[in-house]
Amino acid sequence: MEKRELLDQSVLEERIGYVFHNKALLTRALTHRSYAAEHNERLEFLGDSVLNCVIGHALFLRDKHFTEGVLSRARANFVCEKALDEIAAEIDIGAFLRLGQGEYRTGGASRPSILADACEAVFGAIFLDGGFEQAQRVILALYEPILSAQTMNPERLSKDDKTLLQEYLQGQHLPLPEYAVTRITGAAHNQNFRCSCKIAKFGILEYGDGKSRRAAEQQAAGRALAKIREQGEA
């Protein structure tokens, strides 16, 4: 079986601008659960919290006119899988990931969810290794292009899909969507949710996946809204 060659982790340290005192933390942050029993899921959980705090604070300082609703929506858009995938591509984190053979063969090294999780795990590892200020410095440096004035556009600050879908249905005097959790997988600290979004009026039933019920519902709502637009109803 052909052995996969990984880039040296020192290259990643150079790209993120942080050198670990405890190299084992970085190794663990880059280890997927398909590779070893000691993997990055707990670090991912920690990194997600650190990331939300750092980005929330950055947005709070950026514009005093941002309301709570705008701040919440903007933060959600900046810490979502799509944004993290941008960061992952910039530092090519997939080239450092330790994946099981099966996961690698099925494209795990380029799968957005795995790359996003690894980024969060690295943030968590930096927090443990160097403290909050170092984690904050690294995150803000990596996010600088995304947080720049040019990218603070209506799409980044827009209402989320659940809100848009609800407002559309209310405007048409139609019942609100019916959401339901259809599946929960994973360990208690790293659960994955699948939720459905049903709009009986249009015969629509869409599904979404996410690390929280809210995230899964958002994805399902977005797909339902897209389906309505395809049908020419919106």
Protein backbone atom coordinates (compact mmCIF):
# COMPACT_ATOMS: atom_id res chain seq x y z
CA MET A 1 0.00 0.00 0.00
CA GLU A 2 1.40 3.39 -1.00
CA LYS A 3 2.37 5.47 2.02
CA ARG A 4 1.12 9.03 2.09
CA GLU A 5 3.82 11.66 2.61
CA LEU A 6 2.83 14.51 4.93
CA LEU A 7 4.45 17.92 5.03
CA ASP A 8 6.56 18.59 8.10
CA GLN A 9 4.58 20.29 10.83
CA SER A 10 7.23 23.01 11.12
CA VAL A 11 5.99 24.27 7.75
CA LEU A 12 2.52 24.71 9.21
CA GLU A 13 3.97 26.51 12.24
CA GLU A 14 5.64 28.95 9.86
CA ARG A 15 2.41 29.48 7.94
CA ILE A 16 0.34 30.23 11.03
CA GLY A 17 3.07 32.26 12.71
CA TYR A 18 3.26 30.21 15.88
CA VAL A 19 5.87 27.69 17.08
CA PHE A 20 4.59 25.15 19.59
CA HIS A 21 6.40 24.47 22.85
CA ASN A 22 4.57 21.17 23.10
CA LYS A 23 4.78 19.66 19.63
CA ALA A 24 2.49 16.80 20.66
CA LEU A 25 -0.41 19.25 20.87
CA LEU A 26 -0.03 20.19 17.23
CA THR A 27 0.31 16.56 16.23
CA ARG A 28 -2.91 15.73 18.03
CA ALA A 29 -4.69 18.72 16.46
CA LEU A 30 -3.78 17.29 13.06
CA THR A 31 -4.92 13.75 13.85
CA HIS A 32 -8.33 12.66 12.58
CA ARG A 33 -10.28 10.06 14.52
CA SER A 34 -9.91 7.63 11.61
CA TYR A 35 -6.16 7.57 12.25
CA ALA A 36 -5.77 7.01 15.98
CA ALA A 37 -7.61 6.69 19.28
CA GLU A 38 -6.06 9.96 20.43
CA HIS A 39 -7.46 12.41 17.91
CA ASN A 40 -8.38 16.08 17.60
CA GLU A 41 -12.07 16.19 18.54
CA ARG A 42 -11.61 17.57 22.06
CA LEU A 43 -9.19 20.21 20.77
CA GLU A 44 -11.72 21.08 18.08
CA PHE A 45 -14.37 21.65 20.75
CA LEU A 46 -12.03 23.98 22.63
CA GLY A 47 -10.90 25.79 19.49
CA ASP A 48 -14.48 26.44 18.43
CA SER A 49 -15.09 28.31 21.70
CA VAL A 50 -11.86 30.31 21.37
CA LEU A 51 -12.65 31.19 17.75
CA ASN A 52 -16.15 32.42 18.59
CA CYS A 53 -14.77 34.63 21.35
CA VAL A 54 -11.98 36.11 19.20
CA ILE A 55 -14.19 36.83 16.19
CA GLY A 56 -17.02 38.13 18.38
CA HIS A 57 -14.64 40.56 20.06
CA ALA A 58 -13.15 41.66 16.73
CA LEU A 59 -16.59 42.38 15.30
CA PHE A 60 -17.64 44.20 18.48
CA LEU A 61 -14.68 46.55 18.13
CA ARG A 62 -15.00 47.02 14.36
CA ASP A 63 -18.19 49.08 14.20
CA LYS A 64 -20.07 50.50 17.18
CA HIS A 65 -23.21 50.75 15.03
CA PHE A 66 -23.53 46.98 14.61
CA THR A 67 -26.61 45.77 16.47
CA GLU A 68 -26.68 42.51 18.41
CA GLY A 69 -28.50 40.85 15.53
CA VAL A 70 -25.92 41.98 12.97
CA LEU A 71 -23.06 40.93 15.26
CA SER A 72 -24.58 37.48 15.75
CA ARG A 73 -25.20 36.94 12.04
CA ALA A 74 -21.78 38.21 11.05
CA ARG A 75 -20.01 36.03 13.61
CA ALA A 76 -21.96 32.98 12.44
CA ASN A 77 -20.85 33.68 8.87
CA PHE A 78 -17.22 34.16 9.88
CA VAL A 79 -16.88 31.01 12.00
CA CYS A 80 -18.89 28.68 9.76
CA GLU A 81 -17.45 25.78 7.80
CA LYS A 82 -17.25 27.84 4.61
CA ALA A 83 -15.10 30.54 6.23
CA LEU A 84 -12.88 27.99 7.96
CA ASP A 85 -12.46 26.22 4.64
CA GLU A 86 -11.03 29.48 3.26
CA ILE A 87 -8.50 29.51 6.11
CA ALA A 88 -7.73 25.83 5.58
CA ALA A 89 -7.03 26.41 1.88
CA GLU A 90 -4.76 29.36 2.63
CA ILE A 91 -2.49 27.29 4.90
CA ASP A 92 -3.14 24.00 3.04
CA ILE A 93 -3.88 22.22 6.31
CA GLY A 94 -4.94 19.09 4.45
CA ALA A 95 -1.30 18.42 3.59
CA PHE A 96 -0.53 17.94 7.29
CA LEU A 97 -3.56 15.89 8.35
CA ARG A 98 -3.07 12.36 9.65
CA LEU A 99 -5.97 10.36 8.23
CA GLY A 100 -6.85 6.70 8.17
CA GLN A 101 -6.33 5.06 4.78
CA GLY A 102 -10.05 4.69 4.17
CA GLU A 103 -10.76 8.33 5.02
CA TYR A 104 -7.90 9.51 2.83
CA ARG A 105 -8.96 7.40 -0.15
CA THR A 106 -12.47 8.88 0.01
CA GLY A 107 -11.16 12.46 -0.14
CA GLY A 108 -10.86 13.27 3.55
CA ALA A 109 -7.81 15.47 3.02
CA SER A 110 -9.92 17.92 1.02
CA ARG A 111 -13.30 17.50 2.74
CA PRO A 112 -14.45 20.92 4.05
CA SER A 113 -15.86 19.56 7.32
CA ILE A 114 -12.62 17.75 8.19
CA LEU A 115 -10.47 20.75 7.25
CA ALA A 116 -12.66 23.13 9.26
CA ASP A 117 -12.49 20.83 12.28
CA ALA A 118 -8.70 20.64 12.00
CA CYS A 119 -8.41 24.44 11.92
CA GLU A 120 -10.47 24.70 15.09
CA ALA A 121 -8.36 21.98 16.69
CA VAL A 122 -5.19 23.91 15.89
CA PHE A 123 -6.69 27.03 17.47
CA GLY A 124 -7.51 24.99 20.57
CA ALA A 125 -3.99 23.58 20.66
CA ILE A 126 -2.47 27.07 20.46
CA PHE A 127 -4.71 28.20 23.32
CA LEU A 128 -3.46 25.32 25.50
CA ASP A 129 0.16 25.78 24.47
CA GLY A 130 0.49 29.56 24.57
CA GLY A 131 -2.65 31.03 26.09
CA PHE A 132 -5.52 33.12 24.80
CA GLU A 133 -3.48 36.06 23.54
CA GLN A 134 -1.38 33.87 21.28
CA ALA A 135 -4.47 32.10 19.95
CA GLN A 136 -6.12 35.47 19.37
CA ARG A 137 -3.07 36.78 17.50
CA VAL A 138 -2.93 33.75 15.19
CA ILE A 139 -6.67 33.74 14.50
CA LEU A 140 -6.82 37.46 13.72
CA ALA A 141 -3.80 37.19 11.41
CA LEU A 142 -5.37 34.30 9.49
CA TYR A 143 -8.75 36.01 9.38
CA GLU A 144 -7.45 39.43 8.39
CA PRO A 145 -8.35 39.03 4.68
CA ILE A 146 -11.82 37.81 5.61
CA LEU A 147 -12.39 40.53 8.21
CA SER A 148 -11.13 43.31 5.95
CA ALA A 149 -13.47 46.14 5.01
CA GLN A 150 -13.77 44.79 1.47
CA THR A 151 -15.32 41.55 2.69
CA MET A 152 -17.66 43.09 5.27
CA ASN A 153 -20.34 42.98 2.60
CA PRO A 154 -24.10 42.39 2.77
CA GLU A 155 -23.60 38.66 2.26
CA ARG A 156 -21.39 38.42 5.35
CA LEU A 157 -23.80 40.54 7.40
CA SER A 158 -27.05 39.25 5.96
CA LYS A 159 -29.89 37.55 7.74
CA ASP A 160 -29.53 33.81 8.10
CA ASP A 161 -31.49 31.34 6.00
CA LYS A 162 -33.99 30.45 8.73
CA THR A 163 -34.88 34.12 9.15
CA LEU A 164 -35.14 34.69 5.39
CA LEU A 165 -37.35 31.64 4.95
CA GLN A 166 -39.58 32.62 7.86
CA GLU A 167 -39.97 36.18 6.60
CA TYR A 168 -40.85 34.97 3.12
CA LEU A 169 -43.52 32.54 4.37
CA GLN A 170 -44.98 35.14 6.72
CA GLY A 171 -45.11 37.60 3.84
CA GLN A 172 -47.15 35.06 1.89
CA HIS A 173 -49.39 34.42 4.92
CA LEU A 174 -48.27 30.79 4.98
CA PRO A 175 -47.53 28.52 7.97
CA LEU A 176 -43.96 28.51 9.28
CA PRO A 177 -41.62 25.64 8.33
CA GLU A 178 -41.69 22.47 10.40
CA TYR A 179 -38.24 21.51 11.71
CA ALA A 180 -37.38 18.14 13.21
CA VAL A 181 -34.23 16.36 14.35
CA THR A 182 -34.05 13.13 12.37
CA ARG A 183 -30.67 11.81 13.50
CA ILE A 184 -27.94 12.45 16.09
CA THR A 185 -24.57 10.73 15.82
CA GLY A 186 -21.18 11.01 17.51
CA ALA A 187 -19.94 11.24 21.08
CA ALA A 188 -21.61 13.59 23.53
CA HIS A 189 -18.90 16.26 23.15
CA ASN A 190 -18.87 16.05 19.36
CA GLN A 191 -22.38 15.34 18.16
CA ASN A 192 -23.57 15.67 14.58
CA PHE A 193 -27.19 16.54 13.90
CA ARG A 194 -29.40 15.93 10.88
CA CYS A 195 -32.55 18.03 10.74
CA SER A 196 -35.42 18.28 8.30
CA CYS A 197 -37.28 21.34 7.07
CA LYS A 198 -40.78 20.71 5.77
CA ILE A 199 -42.93 23.20 3.89
CA ALA A 200 -46.16 21.43 3.12
CA LYS A 201 -47.56 24.18 0.88
CA PHE A 202 -44.80 23.60 -1.67
CA GLY A 203 -44.29 19.89 -1.08
CA ILE A 204 -40.75 20.55 0.10
CA LEU A 205 -38.78 18.36 2.51
CA GLU A 206 -35.09 19.20 2.79
CA TYR A 207 -32.38 18.03 5.17
CA GLY A 208 -29.32 19.64 6.71
CA ASP A 209 -26.36 18.48 8.77
CA GLY A 210 -24.33 20.29 11.40
CA LYS A 211 -22.56 20.16 14.73
CA SER A 212 -25.57 21.67 16.44
CA ARG A 213 -29.29 21.52 15.91
CA ARG A 214 -29.26 25.18 14.91
CA ALA A 215 -26.56 24.66 12.29
CA ALA A 216 -28.40 21.68 10.80
CA GLU A 217 -31.67 23.60 10.70
CA GLN A 218 -29.92 26.52 9.00
CA GLN A 219 -28.60 24.26 6.27
CA ALA A 220 -31.99 22.62 5.78
CA ALA A 221 -33.67 26.04 5.64
CA GLY A 222 -31.17 27.23 3.05
CA ARG A 223 -31.88 24.22 0.86
CA ALA A 224 -35.62 24.70 1.25
CA LEU A 225 -35.32 28.36 0.31
CA ALA A 226 -33.26 27.43 -2.75
CA LYS A 227 -35.91 24.88 -3.76
CA ILE A 228 -38.65 27.52 -3.46
CA ARG A 229 -36.63 29.82 -5.70
CA GLU A 230 -36.12 27.02 -8.22
CA GLN A 231 -39.86 26.55 -8.34
CA GLY A 232 -40.25 30.26 -9.02
CA GLU A 233 -42.17 30.89 -5.85
CA ALA A 234 -39.71 33.41 -4.40
